[in-house]
Amino acid sequence: MKKIALATAISLSASTAFAGSPEPATTPIVEVVEQGSSSSSSGALLPILAIVLIGAAIAASN
């Protein structure tokens, strides 16, 4: 029992002794570059396509 307690005490003291480092941690700098769209009508394509599909569905049901 004494060996287990001694091993636990040594492992806990060793982990706290080596927990930090003398150098400050450096984080990589990430640059986010947003590219512009290639077409001015790219935002309108999906609603127009939806309207065409809904119109085709209504025309087919009649």
N, C-alpha and C. Protein backbone atom coordinates (compact mmCIF):
# COMPACT_ATOMS: atom_id res chain seq x y z
N MET A 1 0.83 -1.19 0.00
CA MET A 1 0.00 0.00 0.00
C MET A 1 0.87 1.25 0.00
N LYS A 2 2.01 1.16 0.73
CA LYS A 2 2.90 2.32 0.79
C LYS A 2 3.55 2.56 -0.57
N LYS A 3 3.81 1.49 -1.31
CA LYS A 3 4.43 1.65 -2.62
C LYS A 3 3.47 2.33 -3.60
N ILE A 4 2.19 1.99 -3.49
CA ILE A 4 1.20 2.61 -4.38
C ILE A 4 1.06 4.09 -4.05
N ALA A 5 1.03 4.42 -2.76
CA ALA A 5 0.92 5.82 -2.34
C ALA A 5 2.17 6.60 -2.76
N LEU A 6 3.33 6.00 -2.62
CA LEU A 6 4.57 6.66 -3.01
C LEU A 6 4.62 6.86 -4.53
N ALA A 7 4.21 5.86 -5.29
CA ALA A 7 4.20 5.98 -6.75
C ALA A 7 3.21 7.05 -7.19
N THR A 8 2.07 7.13 -6.54
CA THR A 8 1.08 8.15 -6.87
C THR A 8 1.61 9.54 -6.56
N ALA A 9 2.26 9.70 -5.41
CA ALA A 9 2.81 11.00 -5.02
C ALA A 9 3.92 11.43 -5.98
N ILE A 10 4.74 10.50 -6.39
CA ILE A 10 5.82 10.84 -7.32
C ILE A 10 5.27 11.20 -8.70
N SER A 11 4.30 10.44 -9.15
CA SER A 11 3.75 10.73 -10.48
C SER A 11 3.01 12.07 -10.50
N LEU A 12 2.31 12.41 -9.42
CA LEU A 12 1.62 13.70 -9.37
C LEU A 12 2.60 14.85 -9.30
N SER A 13 3.67 14.70 -8.54
CA SER A 13 4.64 15.79 -8.45
C SER A 13 5.43 15.92 -9.74
N ALA A 14 5.68 14.83 -10.42
CA ALA A 14 6.42 14.89 -11.68
C ALA A 14 5.57 15.53 -12.77
N SER A 15 4.27 15.26 -12.78
CA SER A 15 3.43 15.83 -13.84
C SER A 15 3.27 17.33 -13.66
N THR A 16 3.26 17.82 -12.42
CA THR A 16 3.16 19.26 -12.21
C THR A 16 4.50 19.95 -12.45
N ALA A 17 5.59 19.25 -12.26
CA ALA A 17 6.90 19.84 -12.48
C ALA A 17 7.16 20.07 -13.96
N PHE A 18 6.65 19.20 -14.81
CA PHE A 18 6.90 19.33 -16.24
C PHE A 18 5.68 19.86 -17.00
N ALA A 19 4.73 20.42 -16.30
CA ALA A 19 3.51 20.87 -16.96
C ALA A 19 3.74 22.10 -17.83
N GLY A 20 4.54 23.03 -17.39
CA GLY A 20 4.74 24.26 -18.15
C GLY A 20 6.05 24.22 -18.90
N SER A 21 6.24 25.21 -19.75
CA SER A 21 7.50 25.33 -20.47
C SER A 21 7.99 26.76 -20.34
N PRO A 22 9.28 26.97 -20.42
CA PRO A 22 9.80 28.34 -20.27
C PRO A 22 9.48 29.23 -21.47
N GLU A 23 9.17 28.64 -22.62
CA GLU A 23 8.84 29.42 -23.80
C GLU A 23 7.34 29.66 -23.88
N PRO A 24 6.94 30.83 -24.30
CA PRO A 24 5.49 31.05 -24.50
C PRO A 24 5.03 30.27 -25.73
N ALA A 25 3.84 29.78 -25.66
CA ALA A 25 3.28 29.01 -26.78
C ALA A 25 2.94 29.95 -27.92
N THR A 26 3.28 29.56 -29.12
CA THR A 26 2.96 30.38 -30.28
C THR A 26 1.85 29.70 -31.06
N THR A 27 0.91 30.50 -31.50
CA THR A 27 -0.19 29.97 -32.30
C THR A 27 0.00 30.42 -33.74
N PRO A 28 -0.29 29.56 -34.68
CA PRO A 28 -0.12 29.96 -36.09
C PRO A 28 -1.17 31.00 -36.49
N ILE A 29 -0.76 31.91 -37.34
CA ILE A 29 -1.66 32.96 -37.81
C ILE A 29 -2.33 32.46 -39.09
N VAL A 30 -3.64 32.48 -39.08
CA VAL A 30 -4.41 32.00 -40.23
C VAL A 30 -5.07 33.20 -40.88
N GLU A 31 -4.78 33.40 -42.17
CA GLU A 31 -5.40 34.49 -42.91
C GLU A 31 -6.58 33.96 -43.71
N VAL A 32 -7.71 34.62 -43.58
CA VAL A 32 -8.91 34.22 -44.32
C VAL A 32 -9.12 35.23 -45.43
N VAL A 33 -9.10 34.72 -46.67
CA VAL A 33 -9.29 35.59 -47.83
C VAL A 33 -10.58 35.17 -48.52
N GLU A 34 -11.50 36.11 -48.62
CA GLU A 34 -12.77 35.83 -49.28
C GLU A 34 -12.68 36.28 -50.72
N GLN A 35 -12.94 35.35 -51.62
CA GLN A 35 -12.87 35.68 -53.04
C GLN A 35 -14.23 36.13 -53.52
N GLY A 36 -14.21 37.10 -54.38
CA GLY A 36 -15.45 37.62 -54.93
C GLY A 36 -16.07 36.64 -55.89
N SER A 37 -17.37 36.79 -56.11
CA SER A 37 -18.05 35.88 -57.03
C SER A 37 -17.69 36.24 -58.47
N SER A 38 -17.72 35.26 -59.34
CA SER A 38 -17.33 35.48 -60.72
C SER A 38 -18.48 36.05 -61.56
N SER A 39 -19.69 35.93 -61.09
CA SER A 39 -20.85 36.41 -61.84
C SER A 39 -21.75 37.21 -60.91
N SER A 40 -22.37 38.23 -61.45
CA SER A 40 -23.25 39.05 -60.62
C SER A 40 -24.61 38.40 -60.40
N SER A 41 -24.99 37.46 -61.24
CA SER A 41 -26.30 36.83 -61.12
C SER A 41 -26.25 35.50 -60.39
N SER A 42 -25.14 35.18 -59.74
CA SER A 42 -25.03 33.88 -59.09
C SER A 42 -25.97 33.75 -57.89
N GLY A 43 -26.32 34.86 -57.26
CA GLY A 43 -27.24 34.82 -56.13
C GLY A 43 -28.69 34.67 -56.56
N ALA A 44 -29.00 35.00 -57.80
CA ALA A 44 -30.37 34.94 -58.29
C ALA A 44 -30.68 33.64 -59.00
N LEU A 45 -29.69 32.80 -59.21
CA LEU A 45 -29.89 31.58 -59.97
C LEU A 45 -30.81 30.59 -59.25
N LEU A 46 -30.61 30.40 -57.98
CA LEU A 46 -31.41 29.43 -57.23
C LEU A 46 -32.88 29.83 -57.13
N PRO A 47 -33.21 31.08 -56.79
CA PRO A 47 -34.65 31.44 -56.77
C PRO A 47 -35.32 31.34 -58.13
N ILE A 48 -34.61 31.70 -59.19
CA ILE A 48 -35.20 31.60 -60.53
C ILE A 48 -35.45 30.15 -60.89
N LEU A 49 -34.50 29.29 -60.57
CA LEU A 49 -34.67 27.86 -60.83
C LEU A 49 -35.85 27.29 -60.04
N ALA A 50 -36.00 27.73 -58.80
CA ALA A 50 -37.13 27.26 -57.97
C ALA A 50 -38.46 27.70 -58.56
N ILE A 51 -38.53 28.94 -59.04
CA ILE A 51 -39.78 29.43 -59.64
C ILE A 51 -40.12 28.64 -60.90
N VAL A 52 -39.10 28.35 -61.72
CA VAL A 52 -39.33 27.58 -62.94
C VAL A 52 -39.83 26.18 -62.61
N LEU A 53 -39.22 25.54 -61.62
CA LEU A 53 -39.65 24.18 -61.24
C LEU A 53 -41.05 24.16 -60.66
N ILE A 54 -41.39 25.15 -59.85
CA ILE A 54 -42.74 25.22 -59.29
C ILE A 54 -43.75 25.47 -60.41
N GLY A 55 -43.40 26.34 -61.35
CA GLY A 55 -44.30 26.61 -62.49
C GLY A 55 -44.50 25.38 -63.33
N ALA A 56 -43.44 24.60 -63.55
CA ALA A 56 -43.56 23.38 -64.33
C ALA A 56 -44.42 22.35 -63.61
N ALA A 57 -44.30 22.28 -62.29
CA ALA A 57 -45.12 21.35 -61.52
C ALA A 57 -46.60 21.74 -61.58
N ILE A 58 -46.88 23.03 -61.51
CA ILE A 58 -48.28 23.49 -61.58
C ILE A 58 -48.83 23.23 -62.97
N ALA A 59 -48.03 23.48 -64.00
CA ALA A 59 -48.52 23.27 -65.38
C ALA A 59 -48.75 21.79 -65.67
N ALA A 60 -47.94 20.93 -65.08
CA ALA A 60 -48.09 19.50 -65.31
C ALA A 60 -49.30 18.92 -64.57
N SER A 61 -49.71 19.55 -63.49
CA SER A 61 -50.83 19.01 -62.70
C SER A 61 -52.18 19.37 -63.31
N ASN A 62 -52.23 20.34 -64.21
CA ASN A 62 -53.50 20.74 -64.83
C ASN A 62 -53.85 19.83 -65.92
